């Protein structure tokens, strides 16, 4: 059991101390943006007492997705790159629809 705990301590030290650089900081900032989209959506839905996707959700999605894509490119992770790049297409397309159609109220409102 002691060996397991020592190995875990060494691993956590390597990840959070030795490898903690500007890229890791960028990754955490990007993840913060990406997480904020869920917080914004949750708050908007709670206020409306129904499921709502506010415009800010899409802007946080673009910001977080773009920063995470930069981070994924640096890490050279093809799965991470593909996921973020394809997600950005969806986020940008939704903002495009919002811009050209204006903000619309849902059909059941």
PDB file of N, CA and C in Angstrom:
ATOM      1  N   UNK A   1       0.823  -1.198   0.000  1.00  0.00           N
ATOM      2  CA  UNK A   1       0.000   0.000   0.000  1.00  0.00           C
ATOM      3  C   UNK A   1       0.864   1.259   0.000  1.00  0.00           C
ATOM      4  N   UNK A   2       1.961   1.228   0.719  1.00  0.00           N
ATOM      5  CA  UNK A   2       2.870   2.367   0.769  1.00  0.00           C
ATOM      6  C   UNK A   2       3.465   2.651  -0.605  1.00  0.00           C
ATOM      7  N   UNK A   3       3.812   1.588  -1.347  1.00  0.00           N
ATOM      8  CA  UNK A   3       4.351   1.770  -2.697  1.00  0.00           C
ATOM      9  C   UNK A   3       3.321   2.444  -3.610  1.00  0.00           C
ATOM     10  N   UNK A   4       2.086   2.055  -3.474  1.00  0.00           N
ATOM     11  CA  UNK A   4       1.017   2.640  -4.279  1.00  0.00           C
ATOM     12  C   UNK A   4       0.870   4.133  -3.968  1.00  0.00           C
ATOM     13  N   UNK A   5       0.865   4.490  -2.702  1.00  0.00           N
ATOM     14  CA  UNK A   5       0.749   5.894  -2.310  1.00  0.00           C
ATOM     15  C   UNK A   5       1.962   6.704  -2.749  1.00  0.00           C
ATOM     16  N   UNK A   6       3.148   6.103  -2.643  1.00  0.00           N
ATOM     17  CA  UNK A   6       4.360   6.791  -3.109  1.00  0.00           C
ATOM     18  C   UNK A   6       4.312   7.018  -4.616  1.00  0.00           C
ATOM     19  N   UNK A   7       3.879   6.007  -5.348  1.00  0.00           N
ATOM     20  CA  UNK A   7       3.761   6.146  -6.807  1.00  0.00           C
ATOM     21  C   UNK A   7       2.752   7.226  -7.171  1.00  0.00           C
ATOM     22  N   UNK A   8       1.639   7.271  -6.446  1.00  0.00           N
ATOM     23  CA  UNK A   8       0.625   8.301  -6.685  1.00  0.00           C
ATOM     24  C   UNK A   8       1.197   9.686  -6.381  1.00  0.00           C
ATOM     25  N   UNK A   9       1.923   9.816  -5.297  1.00  0.00           N
ATOM     26  CA  UNK A   9       2.529  11.099  -4.930  1.00  0.00           C
ATOM     27  C   UNK A   9       3.529  11.559  -5.991  1.00  0.00           C
ATOM     28  N   UNK A  10       4.347  10.641  -6.494  1.00  0.00           N
ATOM     29  CA  UNK A  10       5.317  10.977  -7.542  1.00  0.00           C
ATOM     30  C   UNK A  10       4.597  11.403  -8.810  1.00  0.00           C
ATOM     31  N   UNK A  11       3.555  10.663  -9.188  1.00  0.00           N
ATOM     32  CA  UNK A  11       2.774  10.989 -10.387  1.00  0.00           C
ATOM     33  C   UNK A  11       2.152  12.383 -10.258  1.00  0.00           C
ATOM     34  N   UNK A  12       1.487  12.659  -9.147  1.00  0.00           N
ATOM     35  CA  UNK A  12       0.851  13.962  -8.945  1.00  0.00           C
ATOM     36  C   UNK A  12       1.880  15.085  -8.931  1.00  0.00           C
ATOM     37  N   UNK A  13       3.047  14.846  -8.353  1.00  0.00           N
ATOM     38  CA  UNK A  13       4.118  15.843  -8.360  1.00  0.00           C
ATOM     39  C   UNK A  13       4.582  16.110  -9.787  1.00  0.00           C
ATOM     40  N   UNK A  14       4.765  15.046 -10.576  1.00  0.00           N
ATOM     41  CA  UNK A  14       5.184  15.208 -11.968  1.00  0.00           C
ATOM     42  C   UNK A  14       4.165  16.000 -12.773  1.00  0.00           C
ATOM     43  N   UNK A  15       2.895  15.688 -12.594  1.00  0.00           N
ATOM     44  CA  UNK A  15       1.837  16.330 -13.380  1.00  0.00           C
ATOM     45  C   UNK A  15       1.596  17.767 -12.948  1.00  0.00           C
ATOM     46  N   UNK A  16       1.476  18.009 -11.645  1.00  0.00           N
ATOM     47  CA  UNK A  16       1.061  19.320 -11.162  1.00  0.00           C
ATOM     48  C   UNK A  16       2.201  20.257 -10.771  1.00  0.00           C
ATOM     49  N   UNK A  17       3.416  19.768 -10.649  1.00  0.00           N
ATOM     50  CA  UNK A  17       4.535  20.626 -10.270  1.00  0.00           C
ATOM     51  C   UNK A  17       5.550  20.720 -11.398  1.00  0.00           C
ATOM     52  N   UNK A  18       6.096  19.584 -11.823  1.00  0.00           N
ATOM     53  CA  UNK A  18       7.157  19.593 -12.830  1.00  0.00           C
ATOM     54  C   UNK A  18       6.629  20.035 -14.197  1.00  0.00           C
ATOM     55  N   UNK A  19       5.467  19.549 -14.599  1.00  0.00           N
ATOM     56  CA  UNK A  19       4.942  19.858 -15.929  1.00  0.00           C
ATOM     57  C   UNK A  19       4.047  21.086 -15.943  1.00  0.00           C
ATOM     58  N   UNK A  20       3.961  21.816 -14.851  1.00  0.00           N
ATOM     59  CA  UNK A  20       3.100  22.990 -14.764  1.00  0.00           C
ATOM     60  C   UNK A  20       3.815  24.162 -15.415  1.00  0.00           C
ATOM     61  N   UNK A  21       3.409  24.492 -16.639  1.00  0.00           N
ATOM     62  CA  UNK A  21       4.024  25.586 -17.376  1.00  0.00           C
ATOM     63  C   UNK A  21       2.927  26.451 -17.994  1.00  0.00           C
ATOM     64  N   UNK A  22       3.315  27.325 -18.886  1.00  0.00           N
ATOM     65  CA  UNK A  22       2.353  28.215 -19.535  1.00  0.00           C
ATOM     66  C   UNK A  22       1.278  27.472 -20.307  1.00  0.00           C
ATOM     67  N   UNK A  23       1.636  26.349 -20.903  1.00  0.00           N
ATOM     68  CA  UNK A  23       0.659  25.574 -21.658  1.00  0.00           C
ATOM     69  C   UNK A  23      -0.389  24.954 -20.738  1.00  0.00           C
ATOM     70  N   UNK A  24       0.039  24.512 -19.590  1.00  0.00           N
ATOM     71  CA  UNK A  24      -0.908  23.951 -18.630  1.00  0.00           C
ATOM     72  C   UNK A  24      -1.832  25.059 -18.116  1.00  0.00           C
ATOM     73  N   UNK A  25      -1.278  26.240 -17.877  1.00  0.00           N
ATOM     74  CA  UNK A  25      -2.107  27.370 -17.457  1.00  0.00           C
ATOM     75  C   UNK A  25      -3.135  27.688 -18.537  1.00  0.00           C
ATOM     76  N   UNK A  26      -2.711  27.723 -19.817  1.00  0.00           N
ATOM     77  CA  UNK A  26      -3.641  27.942 -20.922  1.00  0.00           C
ATOM     78  C   UNK A  26      -4.729  26.866 -20.935  1.00  0.00           C
ATOM     79  N   UNK A  27      -4.344  25.626 -20.717  1.00  0.00           N
ATOM     80  CA  UNK A  27      -5.313  24.531 -20.682  1.00  0.00           C
ATOM     81  C   UNK A  27      -6.344  24.716 -19.589  1.00  0.00           C
ATOM     82  N   UNK A  28      -5.910  25.156 -18.409  1.00  0.00           N
ATOM     83  CA  UNK A  28      -6.852  25.395 -17.309  1.00  0.00           C
ATOM     84  C   UNK A  28      -7.763  26.586 -17.603  1.00  0.00           C
ATOM     85  N   UNK A  29      -7.221  27.638 -18.197  1.00  0.00           N
ATOM     86  CA  UNK A  29      -8.056  28.788 -18.578  1.00  0.00           C
ATOM     87  C   UNK A  29      -9.093  28.364 -19.609  1.00  0.00           C
ATOM     88  N   UNK A  30      -8.648  27.601 -20.596  1.00  0.00           N
ATOM     89  CA  UNK A  30      -9.563  27.109 -21.627  1.00  0.00           C
ATOM     90  C   UNK A  30     -10.660  26.243 -21.014  1.00  0.00           C
ATOM     91  N   UNK A  31     -10.282  25.373 -20.116  1.00  0.00           N
ATOM     92  CA  UNK A  31     -11.268  24.512 -19.465  1.00  0.00           C
ATOM     93  C   UNK A  31     -12.233  25.344 -18.623  1.00  0.00           C
ATOM     94  N   UNK A  32     -11.739  26.429 -18.036  1.00  0.00           N
ATOM     95  CA  UNK A  32     -12.610  27.333 -17.282  1.00  0.00           C
ATOM     96  C   UNK A  32     -13.658  27.976 -18.167  1.00  0.00           C
ATOM     97  N   UNK A  33     -13.249  28.446 -19.366  1.00  0.00           N
ATOM     98  CA  UNK A  33     -14.203  28.993 -20.328  1.00  0.00           C
ATOM     99  C   UNK A  33     -15.236  27.942 -20.710  1.00  0.00           C
ATOM    100  N   UNK A  34     -14.757  26.769 -20.995  1.00  0.00           N
ATOM    101  CA  UNK A  34     -15.646  25.699 -21.435  1.00  0.00           C
ATOM    102  C   UNK A  34     -16.633  25.337 -20.327  1.00  0.00           C
ATOM    103  N   UNK A  35     -16.187  25.329 -19.097  1.00  0.00           N
ATOM    104  CA  UNK A  35     -17.063  25.029 -17.966  1.00  0.00           C
ATOM    105  C   UNK A  35     -18.086  26.141 -17.755  1.00  0.00           C
ATOM    106  N   UNK A  36     -17.691  27.382 -17.981  1.00  0.00           N
ATOM    107  CA  UNK A  36     -18.614  28.508 -17.784  1.00  0.00           C
ATOM    108  C   UNK A  36     -19.841  28.408 -18.676  1.00  0.00           C
ATOM    109  N   UNK A  37     -19.731  27.772 -19.830  1.00  0.00           N
ATOM    110  CA  UNK A  37     -20.903  27.655 -20.697  1.00  0.00           C
ATOM    111  C   UNK A  37     -21.993  26.848 -20.007  1.00  0.00           C
ATOM    112  N   UNK A  38     -21.597  25.836 -19.259  1.00  0.00           N
ATOM    113  CA  UNK A  38     -22.593  25.041 -18.530  1.00  0.00           C
ATOM    114  C   UNK A  38     -23.186  25.829 -17.371  1.00  0.00           C
ATOM    115  N   UNK A  39     -22.367  26.618 -16.702  1.00  0.00           N
ATOM    116  CA  UNK A  39     -22.846  27.445 -15.592  1.00  0.00           C
ATOM    117  C   UNK A  39     -23.852  28.470 -16.109  1.00  0.00           C
ATOM    118  N   UNK A  40     -23.523  29.129 -17.222  1.00  0.00           N
ATOM    119  CA  UNK A  40     -24.418  30.117 -17.827  1.00  0.00           C
ATOM    120  C   UNK A  40     -25.738  29.464 -18.225  1.00  0.00           C
ATOM    121  N   UNK A  41     -25.668  28.300 -18.841  1.00  0.00           N
ATOM    122  CA  UNK A  41     -26.883  27.606 -19.270  1.00  0.00           C
ATOM    123  C   UNK A  41     -27.716  27.179 -18.071  1.00  0.00           C
ATOM    124  N   UNK A  42     -27.077  26.702 -17.037  1.00  0.00           N
ATOM    125  CA  UNK A  42     -27.777  26.261 -15.831  1.00  0.00           C
ATOM    126  C   UNK A  42     -28.510  27.430 -15.173  1.00  0.00           C
ATOM    127  N   UNK A  43     -27.814  28.559 -15.021  1.00  0.00           N
ATOM    128  CA  UNK A  43     -28.429  29.731 -14.397  1.00  0.00           C
ATOM    129  C   UNK A  43     -29.618  30.227 -15.227  1.00  0.00           C
ATOM    130  N   UNK A  44     -29.439  30.303 -16.548  1.00  0.00           N
ATOM    131  CA  UNK A  44     -30.530  30.761 -17.420  1.00  0.00           C
ATOM    132  C   UNK A  44     -31.730  29.826 -17.328  1.00  0.00           C
ATOM    133  N   UNK A  45     -31.487  28.533 -17.290  1.00  0.00           N
ATOM    134  CA  UNK A  45     -32.579  27.563 -17.195  1.00  0.00           C
ATOM    135  C   UNK A  45     -33.277  27.650 -15.843  1.00  0.00           C
ATOM    136  N   UNK A  46     -32.512  27.831 -14.784  1.00  0.00           N
ATOM    137  CA  UNK A  46     -33.118  27.966 -13.455  1.00  0.00           C
ATOM    138  C   UNK A  46     -34.009  29.199 -13.388  1.00  0.00           C
ATOM    139  N   UNK A  47     -33.543  30.296 -13.958  1.00  0.00           N
ATOM    140  CA  UNK A  47     -34.340  31.536 -13.949  1.00  0.00           C
ATOM    141  C   UNK A  47     -35.614  31.388 -14.764  1.00  0.00           C
ATOM    142  N   UNK A  48     -35.527  30.707 -15.905  1.00  0.00           N
ATOM    143  CA  UNK A  48     -36.692  30.531 -16.781  1.00  0.00           C
ATOM    144  C   UNK A  48     -37.577  29.372 -16.348  1.00  0.00           C
ATOM    145  N   UNK A  49     -37.064  28.539 -15.459  1.00  0.00           N
ATOM    146  CA  UNK A  49     -37.782  27.340 -14.992  1.00  0.00           C
ATOM    147  C   UNK A  49     -38.062  26.380 -16.148  1.00  0.00           C
ATOM    148  N   UNK A  50     -37.192  26.410 -17.176  1.00  0.00           N
ATOM    149  CA  UNK A  50     -37.227  25.476 -18.299  1.00  0.00           C
ATOM    150  C   UNK A  50     -35.855  25.479 -18.950  1.00  0.00           C
ATOM    151  N   UNK A  51     -35.605  24.514 -19.811  1.00  0.00           N
ATOM    152  CA  UNK A  51     -34.305  24.426 -20.470  1.00  0.00           C
ATOM    153  C   UNK A  51     -34.121  25.577 -21.452  1.00  0.00           C
ATOM    154  N   UNK A  52     -33.049  26.336 -21.259  1.00  0.00           N
ATOM    155  CA  UNK A  52     -32.748  27.502 -22.076  1.00  0.00           C
ATOM    156  C   UNK A  52     -31.276  27.440 -22.466  1.00  0.00           C
ATOM    157  N   UNK A  53     -30.976  27.816 -23.709  1.00  0.00           N
ATOM    158  CA  UNK A  53     -29.581  27.924 -24.145  1.00  0.00           C
ATOM    159  C   UNK A  53     -29.338  29.386 -24.519  1.00  0.00           C
ATOM    160  N   UNK A  54     -28.728  30.150 -23.607  1.00  0.00           N
ATOM    161  CA  UNK A  54     -28.490  31.574 -23.884  1.00  0.00           C
ATOM    162  C   UNK A  54     -27.362  31.768 -24.893  1.00  0.00           C
ATOM    163  N   UNK A  55     -27.334  32.952 -25.493  1.00  0.00           N
ATOM    164  CA  UNK A  55     -26.301  33.284 -26.478  1.00  0.00           C
ATOM    165  C   UNK A  55     -24.908  33.167 -25.861  1.00  0.00           C
ATOM    166  N   UNK A  56     -24.768  33.540 -24.599  1.00  0.00           N
ATOM    167  CA  UNK A  56     -23.463  33.466 -23.932  1.00  0.00           C
ATOM    168  C   UNK A  56     -22.914  32.045 -23.932  1.00  0.00           C
ATOM    169  N   UNK A  57     -23.796  31.048 -23.917  1.00  0.00           N
ATOM    170  CA  UNK A  57     -23.373  29.647 -23.971  1.00  0.00           C
ATOM    171  C   UNK A  57     -22.500  29.413 -25.204  1.00  0.00           C
ATOM    172  N   UNK A  58     -22.942  29.948 -26.350  1.00  0.00           N
ATOM    173  CA  UNK A  58     -22.210  29.720 -27.597  1.00  0.00           C
ATOM    174  C   UNK A  58     -20.896  30.489 -27.624  1.00  0.00           C
ATOM    175  N   UNK A  59     -20.867  31.681 -27.047  1.00  0.00           N
ATOM    176  CA  UNK A  59     -19.614  32.440 -27.014  1.00  0.00           C
ATOM    177  C   UNK A  59     -18.594  31.791 -26.086  1.00  0.00           C
ATOM    178  N   UNK A  60     -19.046  31.293 -24.938  1.00  0.00           N
ATOM    179  CA  UNK A  60     -18.128  30.552 -24.064  1.00  0.00           C
ATOM    180  C   UNK A  60     -17.672  29.260 -24.753  1.00  0.00           C
ATOM    181  N   UNK A  61     -18.560  28.634 -25.532  1.00  0.00           N
ATOM    182  CA  UNK A  61     -18.195  27.424 -26.271  1.00  0.00           C
ATOM    183  C   UNK A  61     -17.088  27.717 -27.273  1.00  0.00           C
ATOM    184  N   UNK A  62     -17.226  28.831 -28.008  1.00  0.00           N
ATOM    185  CA  UNK A  62     -16.198  29.203 -28.989  1.00  0.00           C
ATOM    186  C   UNK A  62     -14.884  29.541 -28.289  1.00  0.00           C
ATOM    187  N   UNK A  63     -14.948  30.353 -27.241  1.00  0.00           N
ATOM    188  CA  UNK A  63     -13.726  30.732 -26.523  1.00  0.00           C
ATOM    189  C   UNK A  63     -13.015  29.531 -25.932  1.00  0.00           C
ATOM    190  N   UNK A  64     -13.765  28.709 -25.210  1.00  0.00           N
ATOM    191  CA  UNK A  64     -13.169  27.520 -24.601  1.00  0.00           C
ATOM    192  C   UNK A  64     -12.714  26.512 -25.633  1.00  0.00           C
ATOM    193  N   UNK A  65     -13.537  26.302 -26.663  1.00  0.00           N
ATOM    194  CA  UNK A  65     -13.179  25.344 -27.711  1.00  0.00           C
ATOM    195  C   UNK A  65     -11.936  25.761 -28.483  1.00  0.00           C
ATOM    196  N   UNK A  66     -11.827  27.061 -28.786  1.00  0.00           N
ATOM    197  CA  UNK A  66     -10.658  27.549 -29.534  1.00  0.00           C
ATOM    198  C   UNK A  66      -9.383  27.414 -28.692  1.00  0.00           C
ATOM    199  N   UNK A  67      -9.473  27.799 -27.415  1.00  0.00           N
ATOM    200  CA  UNK A  67      -8.292  27.674 -26.558  1.00  0.00           C
ATOM    201  C   UNK A  67      -7.919  26.210 -26.328  1.00  0.00           C
ATOM    202  N   UNK A  68      -8.922  25.361 -26.154  1.00  0.00           N
ATOM    203  CA  UNK A  68      -8.625  23.934 -25.992  1.00  0.00           C
ATOM    204  C   UNK A  68      -8.045  23.337 -27.277  1.00  0.00           C
ATOM    205  N   UNK A  69      -8.475  23.834 -28.439  1.00  0.00           N
ATOM    206  CA  UNK A  69      -7.900  23.355 -29.694  1.00  0.00           C
ATOM    207  C   UNK A  69      -6.422  23.744 -29.780  1.00  0.00           C
ATOM    208  N   UNK A  70      -6.088  24.968 -29.392  1.00  0.00           N
ATOM    209  CA  UNK A  70      -4.682  25.392 -29.377  1.00  0.00           C
ATOM    210  C   UNK A  70      -3.879  24.475 -28.456  1.00  0.00           C
ATOM    211  N   UNK A  71      -4.435  24.218 -27.285  1.00  0.00           N
ATOM    212  CA  UNK A  71      -3.769  23.339 -26.317  1.00  0.00           C
ATOM    213  C   UNK A  71      -3.625  21.921 -26.886  1.00  0.00           C
ATOM    214  N   UNK A  72      -4.665  21.415 -27.541  1.00  0.00           N
ATOM    215  CA  UNK A  72      -4.619  20.068 -28.128  1.00  0.00           C
ATOM    216  C   UNK A  72      -3.586  19.991 -29.247  1.00  0.00           C
ATOM    217  N   UNK A  73      -3.488  21.063 -30.054  1.00  0.00           N
ATOM    218  CA  UNK A  73      -2.475  21.096 -31.111  1.00  0.00           C
ATOM    219  C   UNK A  73      -1.074  21.051 -30.510  1.00  0.00           C
ATOM    220  N   UNK A  74      -0.869  21.793 -29.418  1.00  0.00           N
ATOM    221  CA  UNK A  74       0.426  21.759 -28.749  1.00  0.00           C
ATOM    222  C   UNK A  74       0.732  20.357 -28.227  1.00  0.00           C
ATOM    223  N   UNK A  75      -0.271  19.706 -27.666  1.00  0.00           N
ATOM    224  CA  UNK A  75      -0.092  18.362 -27.110  1.00  0.00           C
ATOM    225  C   UNK A  75      -0.018  17.284 -28.197  1.00  0.00           C
ATOM    226  N   UNK A  76      -0.393  17.646 -29.425  1.00  0.00           N
ATOM    227  CA  UNK A  76      -0.375  16.723 -30.570  1.00  0.00           C
ATOM    228  C   UNK A  76      -1.237  15.484 -30.319  1.00  0.00           C
ATOM    229  N   UNK A  77      -2.437  15.743 -29.809  1.00  0.00           N
ATOM    230  CA  UNK A  77      -3.376  14.669 -29.492  1.00  0.00           C
ATOM    231  C   UNK A  77      -4.469  14.659 -30.560  1.00  0.00           C
ATOM    232  N   UNK A  78      -4.436  13.698 -31.491  1.00  0.00           N
ATOM    233  CA  UNK A  78      -5.385  13.711 -32.612  1.00  0.00           C
ATOM    234  C   UNK A  78      -6.849  13.567 -32.184  1.00  0.00           C
ATOM    235  N   UNK A  79      -7.116  12.833 -31.127  1.00  0.00           N
ATOM    236  CA  UNK A  79      -8.496  12.677 -30.656  1.00  0.00           C
ATOM    237  C   UNK A  79      -9.004  14.004 -30.094  1.00  0.00           C
ATOM    238  N   UNK A  80      -8.205  14.635 -29.286  1.00  0.00           N
ATOM    239  CA  UNK A  80      -8.530  15.923 -28.684  1.00  0.00           C
ATOM    240  C   UNK A  80      -8.683  16.995 -29.773  1.00  0.00           C
ATOM    241  N   UNK A  81      -7.776  16.998 -30.754  1.00  0.00           N
ATOM    242  CA  UNK A  81      -7.824  17.963 -31.862  1.00  0.00           C
ATOM    243  C   UNK A  81      -9.118  17.799 -32.655  1.00  0.00           C
ATOM    244  N   UNK A  82      -9.443  16.582 -33.032  1.00  0.00           N
ATOM    245  CA  UNK A  82     -10.656  16.333 -33.823  1.00  0.00           C
ATOM    246  C   UNK A  82     -11.905  16.748 -33.052  1.00  0.00           C
ATOM    247  N   UNK A  83     -11.966  16.403 -31.786  1.00  0.00           N
ATOM    248  CA  UNK A  83     -13.134  16.748 -30.976  1.00  0.00           C
ATOM    249  C   UNK A  83     -13.336  18.247 -30.868  1.00  0.00           C
ATOM    250  N   UNK A  84     -12.273  18.985 -30.600  1.00  0.00           N
ATOM    251  CA  UNK A  84     -12.396  20.433 -30.447  1.00  0.00           C
ATOM    252  C   UNK A  84     -12.652  21.121 -31.783  1.00  0.00           C
ATOM    253  N   UNK A  85     -11.989  20.670 -32.841  1.00  0.00           N
ATOM    254  CA  UNK A  85     -12.171  21.296 -34.151  1.00  0.00           C
ATOM    255  C   UNK A  85     -13.606  21.104 -34.657  1.00  0.00           C
ATOM    256  N   UNK A  86     -14.132  19.908 -34.525  1.00  0.00           N
ATOM    257  CA  UNK A  86     -15.505  19.658 -34.981  1.00  0.00           C
ATOM    258  C   UNK A  86     -16.515  20.396 -34.106  1.00  0.00           C
ATOM    259  N   UNK A  87     -16.247  20.473 -32.815  1.00  0.00           N
ATOM    260  CA  UNK A  87     -17.134  21.233 -31.927  1.00  0.00           C
ATOM    261  C   UNK A  87     -17.177  22.698 -32.308  1.00  0.00           C
ATOM    262  N   UNK A  88     -16.027  23.269 -32.667  1.00  0.00           N
ATOM    263  CA  UNK A  88     -15.979  24.678 -33.054  1.00  0.00           C
ATOM    264  C   UNK A  88     -16.864  24.975 -34.263  1.00  0.00           C
ATOM    265  N   UNK A  89     -16.941  24.028 -35.184  1.00  0.00           N
ATOM    266  CA  UNK A  89     -17.815  24.211 -36.354  1.00  0.00           C
ATOM    267  C   UNK A  89     -19.258  24.396 -35.888  1.00  0.00           C
ATOM    268  N   UNK A  90     -19.707  23.571 -34.971  1.00  0.00           N
ATOM    269  CA  UNK A  90     -21.077  23.647 -34.450  1.00  0.00           C
ATOM    270  C   UNK A  90     -21.299  24.969 -33.710  1.00  0.00           C
ATOM    271  N   UNK A  91     -20.357  25.355 -32.857  1.00  0.00           N
ATOM    272  CA  UNK A  91     -20.515  26.575 -32.068  1.00  0.00           C
ATOM    273  C   UNK A  91     -20.576  27.806 -32.971  1.00  0.00           C
ATOM    274  N   UNK A  92     -19.665  27.868 -33.939  1.00  0.00           N
ATOM    275  CA  UNK A  92     -19.628  29.012 -34.851  1.00  0.00           C
ATOM    276  C   UNK A  92     -20.891  29.057 -35.701  1.00  0.00           C
ATOM    277  N   UNK A  93     -21.359  27.912 -36.139  1.00  0.00           N
ATOM    278  CA  UNK A  93     -22.597  27.855 -36.935  1.00  0.00           C
ATOM    279  C   UNK A  93     -23.783  28.372 -36.128  1.00  0.00           C
ATOM    280  N   UNK A  94     -23.866  28.026 -34.863  1.00  0.00           N
ATOM    281  CA  UNK A  94     -24.965  28.509 -34.033  1.00  0.00           C
ATOM    282  C   UNK A  94     -24.900  30.017 -33.833  1.00  0.00           C
ATOM    283  N   UNK A  95     -23.706  30.559 -33.635  1.00  0.00           N
ATOM    284  CA  UNK A  95     -23.570  32.014 -33.509  1.00  0.00           C
ATOM    285  C   UNK A  95     -23.937  32.682 -34.834  1.00  0.00           C
ATOM    286  N   UNK A  96     -23.565  32.080 -35.943  1.00  0.00           N
ATOM    287  CA  UNK A  96     -23.951  32.601 -37.257  1.00  0.00           C
ATOM    288  C   UNK A  96     -25.469  32.688 -37.372  1.00  0.00           C
ATOM    289  N   UNK A  97     -26.175  31.629 -36.982  1.00  0.00           N
ATOM    290  CA  UNK A  97     -27.636  31.643 -37.028  1.00  0.00           C
ATOM    291  C   UNK A  97     -28.211  32.734 -36.123  1.00  0.00           C
ATOM    292  N   UNK A  98     -27.615  32.921 -34.964  1.00  0.00           N
ATOM    293  CA  UNK A  98     -28.078  33.962 -34.040  1.00  0.00           C
ATOM    294  C   UNK A  98     -27.892  35.338 -34.666  1.00  0.00           C
ATOM    295  N   UNK A  99     -26.761  35.547 -35.335  1.00  0.00           N
ATOM    296  CA  UNK A  99     -26.482  36.845 -35.952  1.00  0.00           C
ATOM    297  C   UNK A  99     -27.429  37.117 -37.110  1.00  0.00           C
ATOM    298  N   UNK A 100     -27.616  36.140 -38.000  1.00  0.00           N
ATOM    299  CA  UNK A 100     -28.443  36.410 -39.179  1.00  0.00           C
ATOM    300  C   UNK A 100     -29.945  36.394 -38.869  1.00  0.00           C
ATOM    301  N   UNK A 101     -30.371  35.654 -37.868  1.00  0.00           N
ATOM    302  CA  UNK A 101     -31.795  35.565 -37.551  1.00  0.00           C
ATOM    303  C   UNK A 101     -32.188  36.428 -36.365  1.00  0.00           C
ATOM    304  N   UNK A 102     -31.229  36.962 -35.675  1.00  0.00           N
ATOM    305  CA  UNK A 102     -31.536  37.692 -34.448  1.00  0.00           C
ATOM    306  C   UNK A 102     -31.903  36.699 -33.350  1.00  0.00           C
ATOM    307  N   UNK A 103     -31.992  37.212 -32.175  1.00  0.00           N
ATOM    308  CA  UNK A 103     -32.330  36.361 -31.045  1.00  0.00           C
ATOM    309  C   UNK A 103     -33.802  36.037 -31.099  1.00  0.00           C
ATOM    310  N   UNK A 104     -34.155  34.767 -31.068  1.00  0.00           N
ATOM    311  CA  UNK A 104     -35.543  34.361 -31.178  1.00  0.00           C
ATOM    312  C   UNK A 104     -35.996  33.667 -29.918  1.00  0.00           C
ATOM    313  N   UNK A 105     -37.275  33.815 -29.627  1.00  0.00           N
ATOM    314  CA  UNK A 105     -37.878  33.125 -28.504  1.00  0.00           C
ATOM    315  C   UNK A 105     -38.258  31.727 -28.986  1.00  0.00           C
ATOM    316  N   UNK A 106     -38.142  30.742 -28.117  1.00  0.00           N
ATOM    317  CA  UNK A 106     -38.467  29.385 -28.521  1.00  0.00           C
ATOM    318  C   UNK A 106     -39.927  29.287 -28.939  1.00  0.00           C
ATOM    319  N   UNK A 107     -40.249  28.298 -29.754  1.00  0.00           N
ATOM    320  CA  UNK A 107     -41.583  28.155 -30.355  1.00  0.00           C
ATOM    321  C   UNK A 107     -42.678  27.951 -29.307  1.00  0.00           C
ATOM    322  N   UNK A 108     -42.377  27.351 -28.174  1.00  0.00           N
ATOM    323  CA  UNK A 108     -43.413  27.079 -27.180  1.00  0.00           C
ATOM    324  C   UNK A 108     -43.566  28.214 -26.170  1.00  0.00           C
ATOM    325  N   UNK A 109     -42.834  29.297 -26.308  1.00  0.00           N
ATOM    326  CA  UNK A 109     -42.936  30.406 -25.344  1.00  0.00           C
ATOM    327  C   UNK A 109     -44.081  31.320 -25.677  1.00  0.00           C
TER     328      UNK A 109
END
